[in-house]
Structures are given as C-alpha cells and as structure tokens.
Amino acid sequence: EHLAAHPQLHTKVWEACKLGSYVKQHVDMAKAEEFKAALEEIGAAFTATKS
C-alpha cells in the first residue's frame, strides 16, 4: 500500500540509507541536512498512507 501510493519509496529509502552511512563517516553539514530531509520525506509518506 505504501509503494502503490509512493512508487519511488524504495529508491528514496535506499538513497537515505546511503546518506546515513556517509554522514556517520564524514563531517558534512550539507549531507547531514540532506539526510534529515530524506528521513522527513519518508516519514511523511508513511504518515500519509496511515491516515
């Protein structure tokens, strides 16, 4: 049901995982903010399908 409503969800989660790995290994505020935004976007997708 999540994938039907958000077909790019798998790709977004995959990219967020890669960003998470990067920010754990490097000090880069821009990437950290990008990671946070990606997590918020994924969270919004899950929240939208639960409502």
PDB file of N, CA and C in Angstrom:
ATOM      1  N   GLU A   1       0.826  -1.195   0.000  1.00  0.00           N
ATOM      2  CA  GLU A   1       0.000   0.000   0.000  1.00  0.00           C
ATOM      3  C   GLU A   1       0.867   1.254   0.000  1.00  0.00           C
ATOM      4  N   HIS A   2       1.990   1.233   0.730  1.00  0.00           N
ATOM      5  CA  HIS A   2       2.887   2.385   0.710  1.00  0.00           C
ATOM      6  C   HIS A   2       3.491   2.569  -0.685  1.00  0.00           C
ATOM      7  N   LEU A   3       3.879   1.474  -1.296  1.00  0.00           N
ATOM      8  CA  LEU A   3       4.509   1.565  -2.615  1.00  0.00           C
ATOM      9  C   LEU A   3       3.519   1.958  -3.695  1.00  0.00           C
ATOM     10  N   ALA A   4       2.256   1.580  -3.532  1.00  0.00           N
ATOM     11  CA  ALA A   4       1.244   1.975  -4.514  1.00  0.00           C
ATOM     12  C   ALA A   4       1.039   3.485  -4.476  1.00  0.00           C
ATOM     13  N   ALA A   5       1.018   4.051  -3.283  1.00  0.00           N
ATOM     14  CA  ALA A   5       0.809   5.492  -3.138  1.00  0.00           C
ATOM     15  C   ALA A   5       2.081   6.290  -3.437  1.00  0.00           C
ATOM     16  N   HIS A   6       3.230   5.687  -3.192  1.00  0.00           N
ATOM     17  CA  HIS A   6       4.523   6.363  -3.377  1.00  0.00           C
ATOM     18  C   HIS A   6       5.471   5.416  -4.112  1.00  0.00           C
ATOM     19  N   PRO A   7       5.373   5.351  -5.437  1.00  0.00           N
ATOM     20  CA  PRO A   7       6.164   4.370  -6.193  1.00  0.00           C
ATOM     21  C   PRO A   7       7.684   4.553  -6.076  1.00  0.00           C
ATOM     22  N   GLN A   8       8.150   5.722  -5.723  1.00  0.00           N
ATOM     23  CA  GLN A   8       9.591   5.956  -5.591  1.00  0.00           C
ATOM     24  C   GLN A   8      10.103   5.708  -4.169  1.00  0.00           C
ATOM     25  N   LEU A   9       9.256   5.163  -3.308  1.00  0.00           N
ATOM     26  CA  LEU A   9       9.616   4.997  -1.900  1.00  0.00           C
ATOM     27  C   LEU A   9      10.851   4.112  -1.719  1.00  0.00           C
ATOM     28  N   HIS A  10      10.928   3.021  -2.450  1.00  0.00           N
ATOM     29  CA  HIS A  10      12.080   2.120  -2.319  1.00  0.00           C
ATOM     30  C   HIS A  10      13.378   2.863  -2.643  1.00  0.00           C
ATOM     31  N   THR A  11      13.367   3.628  -3.710  1.00  0.00           N
ATOM     32  CA  THR A  11      14.551   4.386  -4.112  1.00  0.00           C
ATOM     33  C   THR A  11      14.905   5.432  -3.065  1.00  0.00           C
ATOM     34  N   LYS A  12      13.898   6.107  -2.527  1.00  0.00           N
ATOM     35  CA  LYS A  12      14.138   7.131  -1.510  1.00  0.00           C
ATOM     36  C   LYS A  12      14.738   6.516  -0.244  1.00  0.00           C
ATOM     37  N   VAL A  13      14.240   5.352   0.154  1.00  0.00           N
ATOM     38  CA  VAL A  13      14.785   4.677   1.338  1.00  0.00           C
ATOM     39  C   VAL A  13      16.226   4.246   1.072  1.00  0.00           C
ATOM     40  N   TRP A  14      16.480   3.709  -0.105  1.00  0.00           N
ATOM     41  CA  TRP A  14      17.831   3.275  -0.464  1.00  0.00           C
ATOM     42  C   TRP A  14      18.804   4.453  -0.431  1.00  0.00           C
ATOM     43  N   GLU A  15      18.396   5.579  -1.024  1.00  0.00           N
ATOM     44  CA  GLU A  15      19.248   6.763  -1.031  1.00  0.00           C
ATOM     45  C   GLU A  15      19.461   7.296   0.388  1.00  0.00           C
ATOM     46  N   ALA A  16      18.421   7.251   1.220  1.00  0.00           N
ATOM     47  CA  ALA A  16      18.547   7.706   2.608  1.00  0.00           C
ATOM     48  C   ALA A  16      19.524   6.819   3.371  1.00  0.00           C
ATOM     49  N   CYS A  17      19.490   5.531   3.123  1.00  0.00           N
ATOM     50  CA  CYS A  17      20.434   4.612   3.780  1.00  0.00           C
ATOM     51  C   CYS A  17      21.869   4.938   3.382  1.00  0.00           C
ATOM     52  N   LYS A  18      22.083   5.223   2.117  1.00  0.00           N
ATOM     53  CA  LYS A  18      23.427   5.580   1.660  1.00  0.00           C
ATOM     54  C   LYS A  18      23.880   6.899   2.284  1.00  0.00           C
ATOM     55  N   LEU A  19      22.961   7.872   2.375  1.00  0.00           N
ATOM     56  CA  LEU A  19      23.301   9.138   3.015  1.00  0.00           C
ATOM     57  C   LEU A  19      23.627   8.932   4.488  1.00  0.00           C
ATOM     58  N   GLY A  20      22.848   8.085   5.153  1.00  0.00           N
ATOM     59  CA  GLY A  20      23.098   7.800   6.565  1.00  0.00           C
ATOM     60  C   GLY A  20      24.477   7.218   6.782  1.00  0.00           C
ATOM     61  N   SER A  21      24.866   6.327   5.917  1.00  0.00           N
ATOM     62  CA  SER A  21      26.199   5.739   6.006  1.00  0.00           C
ATOM     63  C   SER A  21      27.272   6.812   5.811  1.00  0.00           C
ATOM     64  N   TYR A  22      27.041   7.696   4.860  1.00  0.00           N
ATOM     65  CA  TYR A  22      28.011   8.753   4.577  1.00  0.00           C
ATOM     66  C   TYR A  22      28.169   9.692   5.769  1.00  0.00           C
ATOM     67  N   VAL A  23      27.035  10.138   6.346  1.00  0.00           N
ATOM     68  CA  VAL A  23      27.128  11.124   7.431  1.00  0.00           C
ATOM     69  C   VAL A  23      27.700  10.519   8.715  1.00  0.00           C
ATOM     70  N   LYS A  24      27.645   9.203   8.859  1.00  0.00           N
ATOM     71  CA  LYS A  24      28.287   8.570  10.015  1.00  0.00           C
ATOM     72  C   LYS A  24      29.807   8.577   9.872  1.00  0.00           C
ATOM     73  N   GLN A  25      30.291   8.657   8.642  1.00  0.00           N
ATOM     74  CA  GLN A  25      31.724   8.557   8.391  1.00  0.00           C
ATOM     75  C   GLN A  25      32.401   9.899   8.125  1.00  0.00           C
ATOM     76  N   HIS A  26      31.618  10.927   7.787  1.00  0.00           N
ATOM     77  CA  HIS A  26      32.181  12.222   7.409  1.00  0.00           C
ATOM     78  C   HIS A  26      31.491  13.350   8.171  1.00  0.00           C
ATOM     79  N   VAL A  27      32.200  14.454   8.321  1.00  0.00           N
ATOM     80  CA  VAL A  27      31.620  15.655   8.910  1.00  0.00           C
ATOM     81  C   VAL A  27      31.240  16.569   7.749  1.00  0.00           C
ATOM     82  N   ASP A  28      29.948  16.577   7.411  1.00  0.00           N
ATOM     83  CA  ASP A  28      29.471  17.346   6.263  1.00  0.00           C
ATOM     84  C   ASP A  28      28.047  17.807   6.565  1.00  0.00           C
ATOM     85  N   MET A  29      27.899  19.074   6.949  1.00  0.00           N
ATOM     86  CA  MET A  29      26.598  19.588   7.357  1.00  0.00           C
ATOM     87  C   MET A  29      25.585  19.540   6.217  1.00  0.00           C
ATOM     88  N   ALA A  30      26.004  19.804   5.005  1.00  0.00           N
ATOM     89  CA  ALA A  30      25.078  19.779   3.871  1.00  0.00           C
ATOM     90  C   ALA A  30      24.500  18.376   3.677  1.00  0.00           C
ATOM     91  N   LYS A  31      25.347  17.369   3.766  1.00  0.00           N
ATOM     92  CA  LYS A  31      24.874  15.983   3.624  1.00  0.00           C
ATOM     93  C   LYS A  31      23.996  15.589   4.801  1.00  0.00           C
ATOM     94  N   ALA A  32      24.327  16.072   6.000  1.00  0.00           N
ATOM     95  CA  ALA A  32      23.512  15.771   7.178  1.00  0.00           C
ATOM     96  C   ALA A  32      22.120  16.375   7.026  1.00  0.00           C
ATOM     97  N   GLU A  33      22.040  17.591   6.509  1.00  0.00           N
ATOM     98  CA  GLU A  33      20.741  18.228   6.282  1.00  0.00           C
ATOM     99  C   GLU A  33      19.966  17.503   5.188  1.00  0.00           C
ATOM    100  N   GLU A  34      20.672  17.046   4.164  1.00  0.00           N
ATOM    101  CA  GLU A  34      20.041  16.273   3.094  1.00  0.00           C
ATOM    102  C   GLU A  34      19.486  14.955   3.649  1.00  0.00           C
ATOM    103  N   PHE A  35      20.240  14.321   4.535  1.00  0.00           N
ATOM    104  CA  PHE A  35      19.810  13.080   5.182  1.00  0.00           C
ATOM    105  C   PHE A  35      18.555  13.320   6.022  1.00  0.00           C
ATOM    106  N   LYS A  36      18.568  14.385   6.799  1.00  0.00           N
ATOM    107  CA  LYS A  36      17.405  14.721   7.630  1.00  0.00           C
ATOM    108  C   LYS A  36      16.175  14.963   6.757  1.00  0.00           C
ATOM    109  N   ALA A  37      16.338  15.695   5.672  1.00  0.00           N
ATOM    110  CA  ALA A  37      15.218  15.969   4.769  1.00  0.00           C
ATOM    111  C   ALA A  37      14.688  14.678   4.149  1.00  0.00           C
ATOM    112  N   ALA A  38      15.586  13.770   3.800  1.00  0.00           N
ATOM    113  CA  ALA A  38      15.170  12.491   3.218  1.00  0.00           C
ATOM    114  C   ALA A  38      14.365  11.681   4.225  1.00  0.00           C
ATOM    115  N   LEU A  39      14.804  11.670   5.480  1.00  0.00           N
ATOM    116  CA  LEU A  39      14.067  10.942   6.518  1.00  0.00           C
ATOM    117  C   LEU A  39      12.696  11.557   6.760  1.00  0.00           C
ATOM    118  N   GLU A  40      12.622  12.873   6.746  1.00  0.00           N
ATOM    119  CA  GLU A  40      11.335  13.539   6.935  1.00  0.00           C
ATOM    120  C   GLU A  40      10.388  13.236   5.778  1.00  0.00           C
ATOM    121  N   GLU A  41      10.920  13.175   4.565  1.00  0.00           N
ATOM    122  CA  GLU A  41      10.105  12.853   3.394  1.00  0.00           C
ATOM    123  C   GLU A  41       9.574  11.420   3.479  1.00  0.00           C
ATOM    124  N   ILE A  42      10.418  10.493   3.887  1.00  0.00           N
ATOM    125  CA  ILE A  42       9.992   9.101   4.047  1.00  0.00           C
ATOM    126  C   ILE A  42       8.947   9.002   5.151  1.00  0.00           C
ATOM    127  N   GLY A  43       9.175   9.690   6.244  1.00  0.00           N
ATOM    128  CA  GLY A  43       8.213   9.697   7.344  1.00  0.00           C
ATOM    129  C   GLY A  43       6.869  10.255   6.919  1.00  0.00           C
ATOM    130  N   ALA A  44       6.882  11.302   6.123  1.00  0.00           N
ATOM    131  CA  ALA A  44       5.637  11.891   5.632  1.00  0.00           C
ATOM    132  C   ALA A  44       4.891  10.914   4.730  1.00  0.00           C
ATOM    133  N   ALA A  45       5.620  10.148   3.930  1.00  0.00           N
ATOM    134  CA  ALA A  45       4.985   9.164   3.053  1.00  0.00           C
ATOM    135  C   ALA A  45       4.287   8.086   3.878  1.00  0.00           C
ATOM    136  N   PHE A  46       4.925   7.605   4.927  1.00  0.00           N
ATOM    137  CA  PHE A  46       4.308   6.589   5.779  1.00  0.00           C
ATOM    138  C   PHE A  46       3.111   7.157   6.531  1.00  0.00           C
ATOM    139  N   THR A  47       3.254   8.375   7.035  1.00  0.00           N
ATOM    140  CA  THR A  47       2.154   9.005   7.761  1.00  0.00           C
ATOM    141  C   THR A  47       0.951   9.215   6.846  1.00  0.00           C
ATOM    142  N   ALA A  48       1.201   9.617   5.618  1.00  0.00           N
ATOM    143  CA  ALA A  48       0.115   9.874   4.671  1.00  0.00           C
ATOM    144  C   ALA A  48      -0.679   8.608   4.357  1.00  0.00           C
ATOM    145  N   THR A  49      -0.016   7.468   4.301  1.00  0.00           N
ATOM    146  CA  THR A  49      -0.737   6.235   3.974  1.00  0.00           C
ATOM    147  C   THR A  49      -1.442   5.646   5.187  1.00  0.00           C
ATOM    148  N   LYS A  50      -1.030   6.045   6.386  1.00  0.00           N
ATOM    149  CA  LYS A  50      -1.702   5.551   7.590  1.00  0.00           C
ATOM    150  C   LYS A  50      -2.969   6.339   7.892  1.00  0.00           C
ATOM    151  N   SER A  51      -3.055   7.569   7.395  1.00  0.00           N
ATOM    152  CA  SER A  51      -4.212   8.424   7.687  1.00  0.00           C
ATOM    153  C   SER A  51      -5.411   8.058   6.854  1.00  0.00           C
TER     154      SER A  51
END
